[in-house]
Each structure stands twice: as C-alpha cells, then as structure tokens.
Amino acid sequence: MLHTLKMLVIAVAGLWLGLAGTYYAVERGEDGGVGTSFLFGAVKAGPWTGWPKSGTRDADPYARALYARNGETPLGITEGLSFLARADSSGAPLNPACDYVLSGAIPPARFWTLSAATPHGKPLPTSSNRNGFTSSELLRSADGGFEIQISASARPGNWLQVNGGQPFLLMLRLYDTALSANAYSVVAQAMPSIVKEHCR
C-alpha cells in the first residue's frame, strides 16, 4: 500500500512538473515574449533570430503549441522566413526611449516587411496607426544603399514609428526568398544592422 502511494505521488509530481514546464515554455518563454518559446532550431545572425523550421513538419512541439494557442499560421519554408530582433547590433536591448538606424544588407527576397511589435508579437500601437514598413516603400540613395529611422517622432525619408513609452521588438519577414533553402548558413553581414543613435 505504501509503495503504491509513493508511486502515485511520484506520478502526480512528474505530471505536474511536465505540465508546468510546458506552460512556462509556451506561455512565458525566457522573458515572456514572442519567439522565446522556440527553444530548438533557432538561427542567429547579428541581432536577428529566426526559426526556419517553425512552418514545417519539423517544428518543435513548443512552437506548434504556441502557434495553436495564438491561432497563428507561421510562414512555410517555401513562402519565406521571419526574423525577430530584441536588441541592437551591440547587444543592448531595444529601448523605446532611443532612436535607431537600420541599414545594410537585406537578404534577397521578392518582398519584405519590417514592423514594430510588442514583446508578445502584437502590433505596436502608434499615433499614426502604422507600425510597418515594406520594401516597396523603401527610398534608396544613388548607390542603392538605404537607412530606416526607427523613432517615436517623425523623421524624413524611411521612417518606422515606435511608441516612445512601450517596449518593442522588430520583425523582419522575407517573402519568397532564396534564403529559405539555406537559412542555417545566414550570417550577421547578410542581415541589416540596428544602431542606436541617441536616447531621450
């Protein structure tokens, strides 16, 4: 009888720990934000992190659970790739009180979008009701280079508005990109840099 009771206690404790661990991984992740629950298969390139397997049959169970809970459909590997940035190129967390410049290379893609989101991946509320920027809107210099100003206040040229009082992350989505076939080889030089200018 005592042996059976011990086994029951162990089984209940194991079940509770398993469910608690799964809840933490899916609901909170490392810091309670989008992307932190994807514990496996991450690709890191400078400040950017992507999960190429998230839209495939090989997606880890935590990623599947998170998408199911949120009712989201990830990009399939043939459709494109998504990358998140929670920090700038120096490794400092993105600060809503600071202005940033995004520049450099963007992997070849038929179309891409850059958007600001809350740490949980929801659209970032802004006074302009616009939190995204697309490749079709991009203004380039004569040599083909570009810069995107990321700031709470308006800037000339390419400007992505953020909310000066709310934490944010950046989401870069590449649609119909050749990178899909070899995502694990992406390096920091192939992705845009995020450089802090000044803080208020």
C-alpha atoms as a PDB file:
ATOM      1  CA  MET A   1       0.000   0.000   0.000  1.00  0.00           C
ATOM      2  CA  LEU A   2       2.791   2.410   0.951  1.00  0.00           C
ATOM      3  CA  HIS A   3       4.669   1.528  -2.238  1.00  0.00           C
ATOM      4  CA  THR A   4       1.562   2.246  -4.347  1.00  0.00           C
ATOM      5  CA  LEU A   5       1.074   5.589  -2.596  1.00  0.00           C
ATOM      6  CA  LYS A   6       4.703   6.569  -3.262  1.00  0.00           C
ATOM      7  CA  MET A   7       4.353   5.657  -6.926  1.00  0.00           C
ATOM      8  CA  LEU A   8       1.162   7.712  -7.176  1.00  0.00           C
ATOM      9  CA  VAL A   9       2.852  10.732  -5.590  1.00  0.00           C
ATOM     10  CA  ILE A  10       5.811  10.406  -7.994  1.00  0.00           C
ATOM     11  CA  ALA A  11       3.482  10.108 -10.992  1.00  0.00           C
ATOM     12  CA  VAL A  12       1.451  13.169  -9.956  1.00  0.00           C
ATOM     13  CA  ALA A  13       4.615  15.175  -9.259  1.00  0.00           C
ATOM     14  CA  GLY A  14       6.063  14.192 -12.645  1.00  0.00           C
ATOM     15  CA  LEU A  15       2.842  15.121 -14.424  1.00  0.00           C
ATOM     16  CA  TRP A  16       2.694  18.470 -12.621  1.00  0.00           C
ATOM     17  CA  LEU A  17       6.325  19.276 -13.417  1.00  0.00           C
ATOM     18  CA  GLY A  18       5.837  18.330 -17.067  1.00  0.00           C
ATOM     19  CA  LEU A  19       2.745  20.494 -17.432  1.00  0.00           C
ATOM     20  CA  ALA A  20       4.362  23.391 -15.563  1.00  0.00           C
ATOM     21  CA  GLY A  21       7.463  23.208 -17.766  1.00  0.00           C
ATOM     22  CA  THR A  22       5.356  23.145 -20.925  1.00  0.00           C
ATOM     23  CA  TYR A  23       3.263  26.086 -19.715  1.00  0.00           C
ATOM     24  CA  TYR A  24       6.383  28.090 -18.932  1.00  0.00           C
ATOM     25  CA  ALA A  25       7.949  27.324 -22.329  1.00  0.00           C
ATOM     26  CA  VAL A  26       4.803  28.173 -24.289  1.00  0.00           C
ATOM     27  CA  GLU A  27       3.317  30.979 -22.219  1.00  0.00           C
ATOM     28  CA  ARG A  28       6.345  32.758 -20.841  1.00  0.00           C
ATOM     29  CA  GLY A  29       9.492  31.570 -22.611  1.00  0.00           C
ATOM     30  CA  GLU A  30      12.693  33.195 -21.423  1.00  0.00           C
ATOM     31  CA  ASP A  31      11.181  36.605 -20.807  1.00  0.00           C
ATOM     32  CA  GLY A  32       7.514  36.288 -21.629  1.00  0.00           C
ATOM     33  CA  GLY A  33       7.749  37.406 -25.221  1.00  0.00           C
ATOM     34  CA  VAL A  34       7.140  36.086 -28.695  1.00  0.00           C
ATOM     35  CA  GLY A  35       9.825  33.828 -30.050  1.00  0.00           C
ATOM     36  CA  THR A  36      11.275  32.861 -26.691  1.00  0.00           C
ATOM     37  CA  SER A  37       9.257  29.656 -26.630  1.00  0.00           C
ATOM     38  CA  PHE A  38      11.005  28.376 -29.742  1.00  0.00           C
ATOM     39  CA  LEU A  39      13.719  26.502 -27.919  1.00  0.00           C
ATOM     40  CA  PHE A  40      15.008  24.465 -30.841  1.00  0.00           C
ATOM     41  CA  GLY A  41      16.278  25.196 -34.342  1.00  0.00           C
ATOM     42  CA  ALA A  42      16.973  28.908 -33.915  1.00  0.00           C
ATOM     43  CA  VAL A  43      19.220  30.748 -36.381  1.00  0.00           C
ATOM     44  CA  LYS A  44      21.124  33.745 -35.001  1.00  0.00           C
ATOM     45  CA  ALA A  45      22.587  36.423 -37.290  1.00  0.00           C
ATOM     46  CA  GLY A  46      23.707  39.578 -35.524  1.00  0.00           C
ATOM     47  CA  PRO A  47      20.734  40.992 -33.606  1.00  0.00           C
ATOM     48  CA  TRP A  48      18.293  38.835 -35.588  1.00  0.00           C
ATOM     49  CA  THR A  49      16.925  35.410 -34.648  1.00  0.00           C
ATOM     50  CA  GLY A  50      14.810  33.224 -36.910  1.00  0.00           C
ATOM     51  CA  TRP A  51      13.212  29.792 -36.700  1.00  0.00           C
ATOM     52  CA  PRO A  52      13.251  28.276 -40.209  1.00  0.00           C
ATOM     53  CA  LYS A  53      11.508  25.085 -39.089  1.00  0.00           C
ATOM     54  CA  SER A  54       8.542  26.843 -37.474  1.00  0.00           C
ATOM     55  CA  GLY A  55       6.380  26.467 -40.580  1.00  0.00           C
ATOM     56  CA  THR A  56       7.408  22.887 -41.376  1.00  0.00           C
ATOM     57  CA  ARG A  57       6.641  19.378 -40.157  1.00  0.00           C
ATOM     58  CA  ASP A  58       9.912  19.510 -38.240  1.00  0.00           C
ATOM     59  CA  ALA A  59       8.752  22.355 -35.961  1.00  0.00           C
ATOM     60  CA  ASP A  60       9.383  21.593 -32.310  1.00  0.00           C
ATOM     61  CA  PRO A  61       6.325  20.808 -30.144  1.00  0.00           C
ATOM     62  CA  TYR A  62       6.621  24.058 -28.185  1.00  0.00           C
ATOM     63  CA  ALA A  63       6.462  26.113 -31.384  1.00  0.00           C
ATOM     64  CA  ARG A  64       3.407  24.164 -32.526  1.00  0.00           C
ATOM     65  CA  ALA A  65       1.709  24.660 -29.173  1.00  0.00           C
ATOM     66  CA  LEU A  66       2.408  28.404 -29.227  1.00  0.00           C
ATOM     67  CA  TYR A  67       1.005  28.835 -32.736  1.00  0.00           C
ATOM     68  CA  ALA A  68      -2.053  26.753 -31.844  1.00  0.00           C
ATOM     69  CA  ARG A  69      -2.675  28.815 -28.701  1.00  0.00           C
ATOM     70  CA  ASN A  70      -2.322  32.114 -30.570  1.00  0.00           C
ATOM     71  CA  GLY A  71      -4.278  30.949 -33.616  1.00  0.00           C
ATOM     72  CA  GLU A  72      -1.394  31.960 -35.892  1.00  0.00           C
ATOM     73  CA  THR A  73      -0.089  30.363 -39.057  1.00  0.00           C
ATOM     74  CA  PRO A  74       3.687  30.616 -39.496  1.00  0.00           C
ATOM     75  CA  LEU A  75       5.300  31.193 -42.869  1.00  0.00           C
ATOM     76  CA  GLY A  76       6.029  27.914 -44.619  1.00  0.00           C
ATOM     77  CA  ILE A  77       9.632  27.328 -45.641  1.00  0.00           C
ATOM     78  CA  THR A  78       8.671  27.840 -49.313  1.00  0.00           C
ATOM     79  CA  GLU A  79       6.804  31.063 -48.508  1.00  0.00           C
ATOM     80  CA  GLY A  80       9.519  32.901 -46.652  1.00  0.00           C
ATOM     81  CA  LEU A  81      11.252  33.455 -43.326  1.00  0.00           C
ATOM     82  CA  SER A  82      10.638  35.602 -40.259  1.00  0.00           C
ATOM     83  CA  PHE A  83      13.308  37.123 -38.031  1.00  0.00           C
ATOM     84  CA  LEU A  84      12.986  38.946 -34.706  1.00  0.00           C
ATOM     85  CA  ALA A  85      15.320  41.476 -33.092  1.00  0.00           C
ATOM     86  CA  ARG A  86      15.040  42.287 -29.393  1.00  0.00           C
ATOM     87  CA  ALA A  87      18.414  44.043 -29.203  1.00  0.00           C
ATOM     88  CA  ASP A  88      20.544  46.335 -31.323  1.00  0.00           C
ATOM     89  CA  SER A  89      23.756  45.290 -33.052  1.00  0.00           C
ATOM     90  CA  SER A  90      25.784  45.953 -29.895  1.00  0.00           C
ATOM     91  CA  GLY A  91      23.621  43.516 -27.940  1.00  0.00           C
ATOM     92  CA  ALA A  92      21.791  46.165 -25.874  1.00  0.00           C
ATOM     93  CA  PRO A  93      18.011  45.596 -25.563  1.00  0.00           C
ATOM     94  CA  LEU A  94      15.901  47.842 -27.777  1.00  0.00           C
ATOM     95  CA  ASN A  95      14.845  50.858 -25.722  1.00  0.00           C
ATOM     96  CA  PRO A  96      11.625  52.726 -26.560  1.00  0.00           C
ATOM     97  CA  ALA A  97      13.266  55.964 -25.399  1.00  0.00           C
ATOM     98  CA  CYS A  98      16.013  55.669 -28.028  1.00  0.00           C
ATOM     99  CA  ASP A  99      16.242  56.273 -31.780  1.00  0.00           C
ATOM    100  CA  TYR A 100      17.781  53.635 -34.045  1.00  0.00           C
ATOM    101  CA  VAL A 101      19.009  53.380 -37.622  1.00  0.00           C
ATOM    102  CA  LEU A 102      18.513  50.144 -39.524  1.00  0.00           C
ATOM    103  CA  SER A 103      20.805  49.831 -42.545  1.00  0.00           C
ATOM    104  CA  GLY A 104      22.932  47.437 -44.537  1.00  0.00           C
ATOM    105  CA  ALA A 105      22.048  44.287 -46.399  1.00  0.00           C
ATOM    106  CA  ILE A 106      18.713  42.540 -46.522  1.00  0.00           C
ATOM    107  CA  PRO A 107      18.784  39.014 -47.954  1.00  0.00           C
ATOM    108  CA  PRO A 108      17.359  38.807 -51.480  1.00  0.00           C
ATOM    109  CA  ALA A 109      13.578  38.421 -51.385  1.00  0.00           C
ATOM    110  CA  ARG A 110      10.715  39.198 -53.730  1.00  0.00           C
ATOM    111  CA  PHE A 111       9.130  41.285 -50.972  1.00  0.00           C
ATOM    112  CA  TRP A 112       9.899  42.064 -47.324  1.00  0.00           C
ATOM    113  CA  THR A 113       8.279  43.855 -44.418  1.00  0.00           C
ATOM    114  CA  LEU A 114       9.728  45.436 -41.300  1.00  0.00           C
ATOM    115  CA  SER A 115       7.373  46.053 -38.411  1.00  0.00           C
ATOM    116  CA  ALA A 116       7.478  47.060 -34.769  1.00  0.00           C
ATOM    117  CA  ALA A 117       5.603  44.838 -32.329  1.00  0.00           C
ATOM    118  CA  THR A 118       5.032  44.469 -28.614  1.00  0.00           C
ATOM    119  CA  PRO A 119       7.216  41.898 -26.802  1.00  0.00           C
ATOM    120  CA  HIS A 120       4.325  39.460 -27.254  1.00  0.00           C
ATOM    121  CA  GLY A 121       4.227  39.950 -31.027  1.00  0.00           C
ATOM    122  CA  LYS A 122       1.103  42.086 -31.233  1.00  0.00           C
ATOM    123  CA  PRO A 123       1.034  45.211 -33.444  1.00  0.00           C
ATOM    124  CA  LEU A 124       2.622  48.130 -31.630  1.00  0.00           C
ATOM    125  CA  PRO A 125       0.097  50.949 -31.121  1.00  0.00           C
ATOM    126  CA  THR A 126       1.335  54.249 -32.540  1.00  0.00           C
ATOM    127  CA  SER A 127      -0.170  57.692 -33.039  1.00  0.00           C
ATOM    128  CA  SER A 128      -0.092  57.197 -36.814  1.00  0.00           C
ATOM    129  CA  ASN A 129      -1.795  53.775 -36.562  1.00  0.00           C
ATOM    130  CA  ARG A 130       1.005  52.470 -38.771  1.00  0.00           C
ATOM    131  CA  ASN A 131       3.663  50.138 -37.430  1.00  0.00           C
ATOM    132  CA  GLY A 132       5.056  48.566 -40.577  1.00  0.00           C
ATOM    133  CA  PHE A 133       7.313  49.369 -43.485  1.00  0.00           C
ATOM    134  CA  THR A 134       7.570  47.469 -46.769  1.00  0.00           C
ATOM    135  CA  SER A 135      10.240  47.004 -49.408  1.00  0.00           C
ATOM    136  CA  SER A 136       8.003  48.664 -51.990  1.00  0.00           C
ATOM    137  CA  GLU A 137       8.085  51.909 -49.964  1.00  0.00           C
ATOM    138  CA  LEU A 138      11.847  51.967 -49.490  1.00  0.00           C
ATOM    139  CA  LEU A 139      13.741  55.080 -50.588  1.00  0.00           C
ATOM    140  CA  ARG A 140      17.312  54.308 -51.651  1.00  0.00           C
ATOM    141  CA  SER A 141      20.342  56.504 -52.170  1.00  0.00           C
ATOM    142  CA  ALA A 142      22.105  56.767 -55.545  1.00  0.00           C
ATOM    143  CA  ASP A 143      24.434  53.871 -54.670  1.00  0.00           C
ATOM    144  CA  GLY A 144      21.495  51.621 -53.771  1.00  0.00           C
ATOM    145  CA  GLY A 145      22.004  51.865 -50.014  1.00  0.00           C
ATOM    146  CA  PHE A 146      19.275  52.722 -47.546  1.00  0.00           C
ATOM    147  CA  GLU A 147      18.593  53.658 -43.945  1.00  0.00           C
ATOM    148  CA  ILE A 148      15.391  53.261 -41.968  1.00  0.00           C
ATOM    149  CA  GLN A 149      14.945  55.574 -38.994  1.00  0.00           C
ATOM    150  CA  ILE A 150      13.225  53.889 -36.048  1.00  0.00           C
ATOM    151  CA  SER A 151      11.902  56.534 -33.706  1.00  0.00           C
ATOM    152  CA  ALA A 152       8.839  57.714 -31.804  1.00  0.00           C
ATOM    153  CA  SER A 153       8.987  61.100 -33.527  1.00  0.00           C
ATOM    154  CA  ALA A 154       8.757  61.719 -37.260  1.00  0.00           C
ATOM    155  CA  ARG A 155      11.909  61.549 -39.391  1.00  0.00           C
ATOM    156  CA  PRO A 156      12.467  62.403 -43.071  1.00  0.00           C
ATOM    157  CA  GLY A 157      12.883  59.587 -45.550  1.00  0.00           C
ATOM    158  CA  ASN A 158      12.385  56.000 -44.445  1.00  0.00           C
ATOM    159  CA  TRP A 159      10.757  56.117 -41.003  1.00  0.00           C
ATOM    160  CA  LEU A 160       9.298  53.364 -38.835  1.00  0.00           C
ATOM    161  CA  GLN A 161       7.370  54.769 -35.898  1.00  0.00           C
ATOM    162  CA  VAL A 162       7.545  53.197 -32.450  1.00  0.00           C
ATOM    163  CA  ASN A 163       5.758  54.152 -29.263  1.00  0.00           C
ATOM    164  CA  GLY A 164       8.199  56.059 -27.067  1.00  0.00           C
ATOM    165  CA  GLY A 165       6.701  54.645 -23.875  1.00  0.00           C
ATOM    166  CA  GLN A 166       6.265  50.985 -24.780  1.00  0.00           C
ATOM    167  CA  PRO A 167       8.869  48.211 -25.152  1.00  0.00           C
ATOM    168  CA  PHE A 168       9.097  46.817 -28.660  1.00  0.00           C
ATOM    169  CA  LEU A 169      10.803  44.312 -30.897  1.00  0.00           C
ATOM    170  CA  LEU A 170      11.410  44.369 -34.639  1.00  0.00           C
ATOM    171  CA  MET A 171      10.042  41.754 -37.034  1.00  0.00           C
ATOM    172  CA  LEU A 172      11.586  41.272 -40.466  1.00  0.00           C
ATOM    173  CA  ARG A 173       9.675  38.999 -42.835  1.00  0.00           C
ATOM    174  CA  LEU A 174      11.247  37.881 -46.097  1.00  0.00           C
ATOM    175  CA  TYR A 175       8.781  36.551 -48.663  1.00  0.00           C
ATOM    176  CA  ASP A 176       9.807  34.226 -51.485  1.00  0.00           C
ATOM    177  CA  THR A 177      13.476  34.361 -50.544  1.00  0.00           C
ATOM    178  CA  ALA A 178      16.300  32.159 -51.752  1.00  0.00           C
ATOM    179  CA  LEU A 179      17.496  32.127 -48.144  1.00  0.00           C
ATOM    180  CA  SER A 180      14.747  29.612 -47.332  1.00  0.00           C
ATOM    181  CA  ALA A 181      16.780  26.829 -48.916  1.00  0.00           C
ATOM    182  CA  ASN A 182      19.843  27.529 -46.788  1.00  0.00           C
ATOM    183  CA  ALA A 183      18.623  29.510 -43.780  1.00  0.00           C
ATOM    184  CA  TYR A 184      21.082  27.952 -41.359  1.00  0.00           C
ATOM    185  CA  SER A 185      24.013  29.489 -43.209  1.00  0.00           C
ATOM    186  CA  VAL A 186      22.878  33.098 -42.767  1.00  0.00           C
ATOM    187  CA  VAL A 187      25.492  35.350 -41.151  1.00  0.00           C
ATOM    188  CA  ALA A 188      25.297  38.742 -39.463  1.00  0.00           C
ATOM    189  CA  GLN A 189      26.736  40.503 -42.538  1.00  0.00           C
ATOM    190  CA  ALA A 190      23.768  39.298 -44.602  1.00  0.00           C
ATOM    191  CA  MET A 191      21.267  40.968 -42.257  1.00  0.00           C
ATOM    192  CA  PRO A 192      20.656  44.655 -41.559  1.00  0.00           C
ATOM    193  CA  SER A 193      22.377  46.276 -38.604  1.00  0.00           C
ATOM    194  CA  ILE A 194      20.475  48.133 -35.890  1.00  0.00           C
ATOM    195  CA  VAL A 195      22.487  51.035 -34.486  1.00  0.00           C
ATOM    196  CA  LYS A 196      21.414  53.220 -31.576  1.00  0.00           C
ATOM    197  CA  GLU A 197      21.653  56.952 -32.307  1.00  0.00           C
ATOM    198  CA  HIS A 198      20.573  58.733 -29.130  1.00  0.00           C
ATOM    199  CA  CYS A 199      18.118  58.410 -26.267  1.00  0.00           C
ATOM    200  CA  ARG A 200      15.715  60.909 -24.793  1.00  0.00           C
END
